Structures are given as structure tokens and as C-alpha cells.
Amino acid sequence: MHEDHINIAHSRLRPARRRLSALSVAVAVGIAGLTVNPLASSALVPTASGSTAAAGNTVRAATSAKPPVFAYYYLWWSANHWRSALGSNYPTNASPLPLPATLGSTGCGAASRYAGNSLTDVPSRIYSQDDPGFIEADVRQAAAAGLSGFLVNWIGTGSASQGATSNPYSARLRVLVNAVHKVNAAGIPFKLWLSYKASARVLSPSYISNDLAYFVRAYGSDPAFDRSQSPKVTMIWQGSRKYSATTLASVGGSLRSKLRILGDETTWSTSRARYLDGNAYYWSSQNPYSNPQSFQQLAALAAAVRASGTNPDGTSKVWVAPITPGYNKELSGGSSCVPRRGGQTIRTLYAGNGATHPNAFGLISWNEISEGSYIDPMTRYGYQDLNALSSLIK
């Protein structure tokens, strides 16, 4: 999970739906209490215009109120992080910065131009999120494009005594919160959800509990965090599927009254649903071209989430659908690639995944540059995908 930039100085922007037939089957499975692994065989097929069709019927995006879009926002971009990802052979002081890799005619087939490099794109200059005003510029650019907020990816130190400057993530989180305060004071609507960073490595229950207890103390009543859907701050437990139900129960038992805890579950079962207030599956590599049945897979997962009963506070289960402009991890340890196709991919996924009637979209991502899912304008794609998304949500 990563990101990228062009800057205020890096070129910032200034400022009806139809239920799928497979849902009834998925609901029945969910009610039966079985684990749902949504590998449906019938498909929603992208059309040439980017809409989708199922069994000959057109699936249209909602014409009523559109779901809010929150973009995953990563806090690891220091100058050293850039240098590490680009490798020691990349000319970081060049002006302009050269593209670090080439792509094939399809938008995939990445080949690095510099030994040790793992990225396919760069901003106009190497930056740090600690640069004064940088995070605020991100907030203003995302808000101008019509995004509802950031899903800020954060992890603490695991200590019961940690504070706002205990690690770089916490220091940057405080800067982000203050930036949201500033733009809100100017009448700009933009809020935060928490994306808890627990997927890259499995953490102990005490580590997670200490982190979230600190977060609640520091931000549990902070107006920078969105409460339009719940009086509690919304948190997505990234990688929740890697943790036992016992761990979900032990962490949620003390904190669920203060946080709306959503999972990141590939499958959904009633045995785990009792410990989660909903689901926000982080599917960054969804490919509507090679896997057109992905739309029905998500529809089945969404239906199972909704069929698994209510939460302890009486609220309904929440479903957050993923969308992404593309994906390319060919240079950073993976083989998957989803081409962007000039902004067509994000349009297709917005329409197809929107047919699941999500409570919100989780945009993957604002700045996950290593996985090639970023939407923040950089050198290779410019504003292509941010403008495409803006035209959909505004």
C-alpha cells in the first residue's frame, strides 16, 4: 500500500441502481451462517462504454445520492523512503526527474531503467510528507476533486504510554488532523476515517489494543473524523482476515463502543461478523478485464455482510466497496497488473462495484505508489484518473 505527488508546488488541483440476481443466492447463504467465498461463475461484463451488463441487463450507477469516496492515504513518504524505493542508481537530484521504468503498450510489462528501482512513476521532485504544508496541499487537492476524505493508514508503537510524536506515523497523523481542521474552518467539507495498519505483519492483541486506546484518547472526539454515518469514528482493520476470531473479540470488546470497526475480510461468516461492524475488503488488484466475474464476487460478499445481522448497538452492517484506477506491482515483488486504459478502469469499477449499493467507496489509493494504485497526480499519468473520478462523484 503506497502513494505519490506533484505538489502545490507539485501541481495541485485548486481549487439508480439494480440489485444483481446473484444477491438472493448470497443472502440465503449468509443467513444459513456459512462462510461466503464469493467465487460466482456468472459474470458482469464491462461494455465498451465502461458500464456493465449482467444477463443482458444494463447495470447503471446510482442516480440517487452517491456514496461518499474516502481514499486510502499512506504516511510513509519521507525522502529516505523515496530513495529506498528508487534505488541508489536513480538520479534523485535530476530536474526534471526521469521516469524510473518503462511500460509496454498495454500499460503493463514494467521494466526498470535503474538497478534497484521498484517504482514505475515519480513526482516532479522528491518530497517528504514532513515538508511544511505538504499534507495540507494533499487535503485541499483531494477535497477540490470531490473526495469526502482520507482513510488515513496509521500504526502506533504498541506502547501504552505512546504519544503524538512517538513515531513518524503519529507525528504525520497530527499534521493531517490539523490540516483537516484548517480546511473545515474555511468551509471545505473533508473528513477522515482510520485505516489501521495491521496487514503487513500480524500484531499481538496488546499491541493493537494499546495503539487504538491511544488513538481514542487523542482523536475519539476530534471533529476532523467523520461522523456522518455513526457517532463513533470509523476504523478499518487492515488485514483483519489474518487474525483469529478470538483476537477480534478481545480487541473489539474494549473499544467497539468507541470505534465503528470494519473488517478487511475476503470471505464473510456469521461467526466472525459478530465482532465486526461491517466490511471494507481491500481489493487493490481487481481486474474487470481478465476477471469480469469480479463484480458478482463483490456482490455476493456485500450481500453476505448485510445478511449477517445487526451490530451490538443496533446498527446495520456496513459495506465499503473498493475502487482503484489500476494496479502494477511488477517491480515490487508481484506479477499482477491492471492497466488504467486512459481512465477507463476506474470508471468501469465505479459502475460495477457501485451496483453493490455500498455505504461508501474505499479508493485504493491516494498514494500507494509501489503497488501502482495511486491517484495523486504524478509524472506518468498526470491528472487523468483524478479527473475521471472527479467527474463521477461530483
Protein backbone atom coordinates (compact mmCIF):
# COMPACT_ATOMS: atom_id res chain seq x y z
CA MET A 1 0.00 0.00 0.00
CA HIS A 2 1.72 3.30 -1.20
CA GLU A 3 1.36 6.84 -2.89
CA ASP A 4 2.63 9.77 -4.98
CA HIS A 5 2.58 13.52 -5.70
CA ILE A 6 3.03 16.58 -7.85
CA ASN A 7 2.64 19.36 -5.19
CA ILE A 8 1.11 22.73 -4.59
CA ALA A 9 4.39 23.37 -5.84
CA HIS A 10 3.95 19.92 -7.20
CA SER A 11 1.00 20.96 -9.32
CA ARG A 12 -2.05 20.60 -7.08
CA LEU A 13 -5.62 20.89 -8.24
CA ARG A 14 -7.15 24.13 -6.90
CA PRO A 15 -9.46 24.74 -6.29
CA ALA A 16 -30.04 4.08 -9.58
CA ARG A 17 -29.18 1.03 -9.06
CA ARG A 18 -30.18 -2.55 -9.80
CA ARG A 19 -29.68 -5.48 -7.49
CA LEU A 20 -27.93 -8.43 -9.10
CA SER A 21 -29.77 -11.72 -9.36
CA ALA A 22 -26.89 -13.44 -7.56
CA LEU A 23 -27.64 -11.42 -4.43
CA SER A 24 -30.63 -13.52 -3.45
CA VAL A 25 -28.43 -16.62 -3.52
CA ALA A 26 -25.72 -14.93 -1.49
CA VAL A 27 -28.24 -13.68 1.09
CA ALA A 28 -29.56 -17.20 1.53
CA VAL A 29 -26.04 -18.47 2.09
CA GLY A 30 -25.33 -15.68 4.56
CA ILE A 31 -28.48 -16.37 6.55
CA ALA A 32 -27.55 -20.02 6.74
CA GLY A 33 -24.47 -18.90 8.65
CA LEU A 34 -21.97 -20.30 6.19
CA THR A 35 -18.71 -18.70 5.19
CA VAL A 36 -19.17 -16.98 1.84
CA ASN A 37 -16.28 -17.11 -0.60
CA PRO A 38 -17.80 -15.18 -3.49
CA LEU A 39 -16.43 -17.05 -6.49
CA ALA A 40 -19.52 -16.81 -8.63
CA SER A 41 -19.30 -18.17 -12.16
CA SER A 42 -21.76 -15.86 -13.93
CA ALA A 43 -20.28 -12.50 -14.74
CA LEU A 44 -20.94 -8.83 -15.05
CA VAL A 45 -19.16 -7.93 -18.24
CA PRO A 46 -17.70 -4.45 -18.90
CA THR A 47 -19.08 -2.90 -22.06
CA ALA A 48 -17.17 -0.70 -24.46
CA SER A 49 -18.52 2.41 -22.74
CA GLY A 50 -17.37 1.27 -19.30
CA SER A 51 -20.83 0.35 -18.00
CA THR A 52 -21.52 -3.27 -17.08
CA ALA A 53 -24.06 -5.80 -18.16
CA ALA A 54 -25.38 -8.91 -16.39
CA ALA A 55 -27.52 -11.47 -18.20
CA GLY A 56 -28.28 -8.90 -20.85
CA ASN A 57 -29.40 -6.23 -18.38
CA THR A 58 -27.61 -2.91 -18.04
CA VAL A 59 -26.30 -2.09 -14.57
CA ARG A 60 -26.33 1.68 -14.03
CA ALA A 61 -24.64 3.72 -11.37
CA ALA A 62 -26.90 5.15 -8.71
CA THR A 63 -28.88 8.19 -9.76
CA SER A 64 -29.85 8.99 -6.18
CA ALA A 65 -27.38 10.11 -3.51
CA LYS A 66 -23.93 8.87 -4.38
CA PRO A 67 -21.81 7.03 -1.80
CA PRO A 68 -19.00 9.09 -0.27
CA VAL A 69 -15.49 8.31 -1.50
CA PHE A 70 -12.66 8.01 1.03
CA ALA A 71 -9.14 7.48 -0.34
CA TYR A 72 -6.54 5.39 1.45
CA TYR A 73 -3.77 7.78 2.45
CA TYR A 74 -0.33 6.48 3.45
CA LEU A 75 2.02 8.25 5.83
CA TRP A 76 5.40 6.69 4.97
CA TRP A 77 6.62 9.10 2.28
CA SER A 78 9.88 10.57 3.53
CA ALA A 79 12.80 11.47 1.27
CA ASN A 80 14.57 8.35 2.52
CA HIS A 81 11.56 6.20 1.61
CA TRP A 82 11.68 7.56 -1.93
CA ARG A 83 15.41 6.89 -2.21
CA SER A 84 14.98 3.36 -0.90
CA ALA A 85 12.19 2.59 -3.39
CA LEU A 86 14.03 4.15 -6.34
CA GLY A 87 17.38 2.58 -5.52
CA SER A 88 20.85 4.07 -5.25
CA ASN A 89 21.29 4.28 -9.04
CA TYR A 90 18.34 6.59 -9.63
CA PRO A 91 19.30 10.29 -10.14
CA THR A 92 17.17 11.82 -7.37
CA ASN A 93 18.69 15.28 -7.90
CA ALA A 94 17.87 15.43 -11.62
CA SER A 95 15.49 18.10 -12.89
CA PRO A 96 13.11 17.02 -14.20
CA LEU A 97 13.13 13.60 -12.60
CA PRO A 98 13.16 10.85 -15.24
CA LEU A 99 10.59 8.09 -15.21
CA PRO A 100 12.21 5.16 -13.39
CA ALA A 101 10.69 2.45 -15.59
CA THR A 102 9.11 1.77 -18.95
CA LEU A 103 5.72 0.17 -19.59
CA GLY A 104 4.54 -1.85 -22.56
CA SER A 105 1.86 -0.73 -24.97
CA THR A 106 -0.85 -2.28 -22.77
CA GLY A 107 0.21 -0.28 -19.71
CA CYS A 108 1.78 -3.38 -18.14
CA GLY A 109 5.09 -5.14 -18.68
CA ALA A 110 7.10 -2.82 -16.42
CA ALA A 111 10.85 -2.76 -16.92
CA SER A 112 13.10 -0.79 -14.58
CA ARG A 113 15.56 1.67 -16.08
CA TYR A 114 17.71 1.69 -12.93
CA ALA A 115 19.10 -1.23 -10.96
CA GLY A 116 17.45 -1.47 -7.55
CA ASN A 117 14.37 0.54 -8.51
CA SER A 118 10.88 -0.76 -7.64
CA LEU A 119 8.66 2.10 -8.88
CA THR A 120 7.08 2.97 -12.23
CA ASP A 121 6.43 6.67 -11.54
CA VAL A 122 7.80 9.69 -9.70
CA PRO A 123 6.55 13.12 -8.64
CA SER A 124 8.04 16.31 -10.04
CA ARG A 125 10.52 16.32 -7.16
CA ILE A 126 11.47 14.06 -4.28
CA TYR A 127 9.46 15.20 -1.28
CA SER A 128 8.71 14.34 2.31
CA GLN A 129 5.33 14.44 3.98
CA ASP A 130 7.17 16.32 6.71
CA ASP A 131 7.68 19.25 4.31
CA PRO A 132 5.70 22.25 5.63
CA GLY A 133 2.29 22.47 4.01
CA PHE A 134 2.64 19.27 2.02
CA ILE A 135 -0.08 17.24 3.74
CA GLU A 136 -2.42 20.22 3.74
CA ALA A 137 -1.90 20.55 -0.01
CA ASP A 138 -2.93 16.90 -0.38
CA VAL A 139 -6.09 17.54 1.61
CA ARG A 140 -7.00 20.58 -0.47
CA GLN A 141 -6.37 18.78 -3.75
CA ALA A 142 -8.46 15.75 -2.77
CA ALA A 143 -11.28 17.94 -1.48
CA ALA A 144 -11.26 20.01 -4.68
CA ALA A 145 -11.70 16.80 -6.67
CA GLY A 146 -14.81 15.93 -4.65
CA LEU A 147 -13.46 13.22 -2.33
CA SER A 148 -15.19 13.02 1.03
CA GLY A 149 -12.00 12.36 2.92
CA PHE A 150 -8.94 10.24 3.53
CA LEU A 151 -8.74 6.76 5.03
CA VAL A 152 -5.52 7.53 6.86
CA ASN A 153 -3.29 4.49 7.25
CA TRP A 154 -1.69 4.65 10.70
CA ILE A 155 0.09 2.48 13.22
CA GLY A 156 1.48 3.42 16.61
CA THR A 157 4.30 1.95 18.67
CA GLY A 158 2.22 -0.62 20.55
CA SER A 159 3.11 1.07 23.84
CA ALA A 160 0.55 2.02 26.45
CA SER A 161 2.40 5.31 27.00
CA GLN A 162 2.84 6.45 23.38
CA GLY A 163 2.11 9.98 22.28
CA ALA A 164 1.71 12.22 19.25
CA THR A 165 5.41 12.18 18.38
CA SER A 166 6.30 8.61 19.34
CA ASN A 167 6.87 7.62 15.71
CA PRO A 168 6.71 9.37 12.30
CA TYR A 169 3.25 7.96 11.59
CA SER A 170 1.79 9.56 14.69
CA ALA A 171 3.53 12.88 14.05
CA ARG A 172 2.19 12.98 10.47
CA LEU A 173 -1.27 11.95 11.65
CA ARG A 174 -1.33 15.01 13.91
CA VAL A 175 -0.32 17.22 10.97
CA LEU A 176 -3.08 15.68 8.83
CA VAL A 177 -5.71 16.22 11.54
CA ASN A 178 -4.68 19.85 11.89
CA ALA A 179 -4.86 20.30 8.12
CA VAL A 180 -8.43 18.99 8.12
CA HIS A 181 -9.29 21.40 10.94
CA LYS A 182 -7.93 24.24 8.83
CA VAL A 183 -9.84 23.42 5.66
CA ASN A 184 -13.03 22.71 7.61
CA ALA A 185 -12.74 26.14 9.25
CA ALA A 186 -12.68 27.59 5.74
CA GLY A 187 -15.94 25.81 4.92
CA ILE A 188 -14.40 22.97 2.90
CA PRO A 189 -16.08 19.60 3.66
CA PHE A 190 -13.43 16.90 4.16
CA LYS A 191 -13.12 14.29 6.92
CA LEU A 192 -11.07 11.28 7.99
CA TRP A 193 -11.56 7.59 8.62
CA LEU A 194 -8.85 5.46 10.22
CA SER A 195 -7.16 2.62 8.32
CA TYR A 196 -5.28 0.68 10.98
CA LYS A 197 -2.04 -0.75 9.55
CA ALA A 198 -2.14 -4.37 10.68
CA SER A 199 -1.79 -6.32 7.45
CA ALA A 200 1.93 -6.25 6.58
CA ARG A 201 2.72 -8.14 9.78
CA VAL A 202 0.46 -9.78 12.34
CA LEU A 203 0.46 -7.81 15.57
CA SER A 204 -0.25 -9.00 19.09
CA PRO A 205 -3.63 -8.18 20.66
CA SER A 206 -1.89 -5.99 23.26
CA TYR A 207 -0.05 -4.03 20.55
CA ILE A 208 -3.31 -3.32 18.71
CA SER A 209 -5.24 -2.51 21.89
CA ASN A 210 -2.56 -0.06 23.08
CA ASP A 211 -2.46 1.67 19.70
CA LEU A 212 -6.22 2.04 19.47
CA ALA A 213 -6.55 3.11 23.11
CA TYR A 214 -4.09 5.93 22.37
CA PHE A 215 -5.96 6.81 19.18
CA VAL A 216 -9.27 7.04 21.06
CA ARG A 217 -7.70 9.22 23.76
CA ALA A 218 -6.18 11.55 21.18
CA TYR A 219 -8.87 11.60 18.48
CA GLY A 220 -12.01 9.87 19.71
CA SER A 221 -13.89 13.17 19.87
CA ASP A 222 -11.89 15.10 17.28
CA PRO A 223 -14.09 16.85 14.67
CA ALA A 224 -11.61 16.03 11.88
CA PHE A 225 -13.02 12.49 11.87
CA ASP A 226 -16.23 11.74 10.01
CA ARG A 227 -19.41 11.05 11.97
CA SER A 228 -21.95 11.36 9.17
CA GLN A 229 -22.79 7.66 9.34
CA SER A 230 -22.04 6.94 13.01
CA PRO A 231 -21.29 8.94 16.17
CA LYS A 232 -18.19 6.73 16.51
CA VAL A 233 -15.01 7.15 14.48
CA THR A 234 -14.89 4.65 11.62
CA MET A 235 -11.87 2.35 11.63
CA ILE A 236 -10.92 -0.29 9.06
CA TRP A 237 -8.82 -3.09 10.49
CA GLN A 238 -6.49 -3.76 7.55
CA GLY A 239 -5.70 -7.46 7.26
CA SER A 240 -8.38 -8.45 9.78
CA ARG A 241 -8.73 -11.74 7.86
CA LYS A 242 -5.26 -12.71 9.17
CA TYR A 243 -6.44 -12.58 12.81
CA SER A 244 -8.38 -15.14 14.79
CA ALA A 245 -11.91 -14.52 15.96
CA THR A 246 -10.51 -14.57 19.49
CA THR A 247 -8.25 -11.61 18.68
CA LEU A 248 -11.10 -9.73 17.01
CA ALA A 249 -13.20 -10.29 20.12
CA SER A 250 -10.50 -9.27 22.62
CA VAL A 251 -9.66 -6.02 20.81
CA GLY A 252 -13.22 -5.11 19.94
CA GLY A 253 -14.53 -5.93 23.38
CA SER A 254 -12.90 -2.89 24.96
CA LEU A 255 -13.00 -0.49 22.01
CA ARG A 256 -16.06 -1.23 19.90
CA SER A 257 -18.21 1.13 21.93
CA LYS A 258 -15.86 3.94 20.85
CA LEU A 259 -14.94 2.86 17.30
CA ARG A 260 -17.01 1.58 14.39
CA ILE A 261 -14.71 -1.31 13.49
CA LEU A 262 -14.89 -2.59 9.92
CA GLY A 263 -13.02 -5.65 8.74
CA ASP A 264 -10.87 -6.33 5.70
CA GLU A 265 -12.29 -9.79 5.08
CA THR A 266 -12.01 -11.74 1.83
CA THR A 267 -14.83 -14.03 2.93
CA TRP A 268 -17.59 -13.39 5.43
CA SER A 269 -19.06 -15.65 8.10
CA THR A 270 -21.53 -15.07 10.89
CA SER A 271 -19.01 -16.48 13.38
CA ARG A 272 -16.65 -13.55 12.68
CA ALA A 273 -19.33 -11.00 11.80
CA ARG A 274 -20.35 -10.65 15.45
CA TYR A 275 -17.01 -8.92 16.15
CA LEU A 276 -17.09 -6.50 13.20
CA ASP A 277 -19.46 -3.68 12.31
CA GLY A 278 -19.05 -4.27 8.59
CA ASN A 279 -16.53 -4.98 5.88
CA ALA A 280 -14.21 -2.98 3.62
CA TYR A 281 -12.32 -5.53 1.55
CA TYR A 282 -9.04 -4.05 0.26
CA TRP A 283 -9.08 -5.47 -3.28
CA SER A 284 -6.38 -3.38 -4.94
CA SER A 285 -5.81 -5.73 -7.88
CA GLN A 286 -9.41 -6.20 -9.04
CA ASN A 287 -9.26 -6.70 -12.81
CA PRO A 288 -12.53 -6.11 -14.67
CA TYR A 289 -10.99 -7.30 -17.96
CA SER A 290 -9.41 -10.65 -17.10
CA ASN A 291 -11.84 -11.31 -14.24
CA PRO A 292 -15.21 -9.84 -15.24
CA GLN A 293 -16.94 -12.04 -12.66
CA SER A 294 -15.24 -9.90 -10.00
CA PHE A 295 -18.36 -7.74 -9.93
CA GLN A 296 -20.51 -10.67 -8.95
CA GLN A 297 -17.92 -11.84 -6.44
CA LEU A 298 -18.17 -8.48 -4.68
CA ALA A 299 -21.96 -8.52 -4.92
CA ALA A 300 -22.05 -11.86 -3.13
CA LEU A 301 -19.66 -10.62 -0.45
CA ALA A 302 -21.71 -7.45 0.08
CA ALA A 303 -24.92 -9.45 0.37
CA ALA A 304 -23.40 -11.82 2.91
CA VAL A 305 -22.21 -8.88 5.03
CA ARG A 306 -25.68 -7.35 5.05
CA ALA A 307 -27.37 -10.67 5.81
CA SER A 308 -25.28 -11.36 8.92
CA GLY A 309 -27.43 -9.48 11.40
CA THR A 310 -27.11 -6.21 13.26
CA ASN A 311 -24.34 -4.84 15.45
CA PRO A 312 -24.47 -4.66 19.25
CA ASP A 313 -25.58 -1.02 19.06
CA GLY A 314 -28.47 -1.97 16.76
CA THR A 315 -26.95 -0.58 13.57
CA SER A 316 -26.83 -2.48 10.29
CA LYS A 317 -23.63 -3.99 8.93
CA VAL A 318 -21.62 -1.57 6.76
CA TRP A 319 -20.34 -2.39 3.27
CA VAL A 320 -17.49 -0.36 1.76
CA ALA A 321 -16.74 -1.19 -1.88
CA PRO A 322 -13.23 -0.88 -3.33
CA ILE A 323 -12.35 1.11 -6.43
CA THR A 324 -8.95 1.66 -7.99
CA PRO A 325 -7.52 3.39 -11.07
CA GLY A 326 -5.27 0.42 -11.85
CA TYR A 327 -2.59 -1.73 -10.29
CA ASN A 328 1.01 -2.60 -11.08
CA LYS A 329 3.30 -4.37 -8.64
CA GLU A 330 5.55 -5.93 -11.27
CA LEU A 331 8.69 -4.22 -9.95
CA SER A 332 8.00 -4.62 -6.24
CA GLY A 333 7.64 -8.33 -5.73
CA GLY A 334 4.44 -9.09 -7.61
CA SER A 335 3.31 -10.16 -11.05
CA SER A 336 -0.18 -8.67 -11.29
CA CYS A 337 -1.02 -5.67 -13.43
CA VAL A 338 -4.34 -3.97 -14.11
CA PRO A 339 -3.95 -1.39 -16.90
CA ARG A 340 -5.50 2.05 -16.43
CA ARG A 341 -6.65 2.40 -20.04
CA GLY A 342 -6.79 6.17 -20.03
CA GLY A 343 -9.12 6.40 -17.01
CA GLN A 344 -11.47 3.68 -18.25
CA THR A 345 -10.60 1.24 -15.46
CA ILE A 346 -11.72 3.48 -12.62
CA ARG A 347 -14.94 4.30 -14.49
CA THR A 348 -15.68 0.61 -15.05
CA LEU A 349 -15.00 -0.33 -11.43
CA TYR A 350 -17.01 2.61 -10.10
CA ALA A 351 -20.04 1.49 -12.11
CA GLY A 352 -19.69 -2.25 -11.50
CA ASN A 353 -18.82 -2.08 -7.79
CA GLY A 354 -21.39 0.66 -7.29
CA ALA A 355 -24.05 -1.94 -8.14
CA THR A 356 -23.40 -3.45 -4.67
CA HIS A 357 -25.02 -0.32 -3.13
CA PRO A 358 -22.05 0.50 -0.86
CA ASN A 359 -22.32 2.75 2.16
CA ALA A 360 -19.06 4.24 0.88
CA PHE A 361 -16.29 3.64 -1.60
CA GLY A 362 -12.74 2.97 -0.41
CA LEU A 363 -10.50 4.40 -3.11
CA ILE A 364 -7.27 2.42 -3.45
CA SER A 365 -5.48 4.73 -3.27
CA TRP A 366 -4.31 8.30 -2.96
CA ASN A 367 -0.63 7.48 -2.70
CA GLU A 368 0.23 3.76 -2.80
CA ILE A 369 2.87 4.20 -5.48
CA SER A 370 4.71 0.90 -5.08
CA GLU A 371 1.55 -1.04 -5.98
CA GLY A 372 0.69 1.37 -8.78
CA SER A 373 -2.79 2.16 -7.46
CA TYR A 374 -2.19 5.85 -6.71
CA ILE A 375 -4.46 8.61 -7.99
CA ASP A 376 -2.44 11.62 -6.79
CA PRO A 377 -1.14 13.25 -10.00
CA MET A 378 2.44 12.37 -10.85
CA THR A 379 4.60 12.31 -13.97
CA ARG A 380 3.29 9.31 -15.92
CA TYR A 381 -0.48 9.79 -15.75
CA GLY A 382 -0.87 13.38 -14.59
CA TYR A 383 -4.48 14.21 -13.68
CA GLN A 384 -6.01 11.52 -15.88
CA ASP A 385 -7.51 9.32 -13.16
CA LEU A 386 -8.20 12.02 -10.58
CA ASN A 387 -10.19 13.92 -13.19
CA ALA A 388 -12.03 10.74 -14.22
CA LEU A 389 -13.03 10.05 -10.62
CA SER A 390 -13.96 13.68 -10.01
CA SER A 391 -16.35 13.60 -12.97
CA LEU A 392 -18.03 10.53 -11.47
CA ILE A 393 -18.50 11.77 -7.92
CA LYS A 394 -19.16 15.48 -8.37
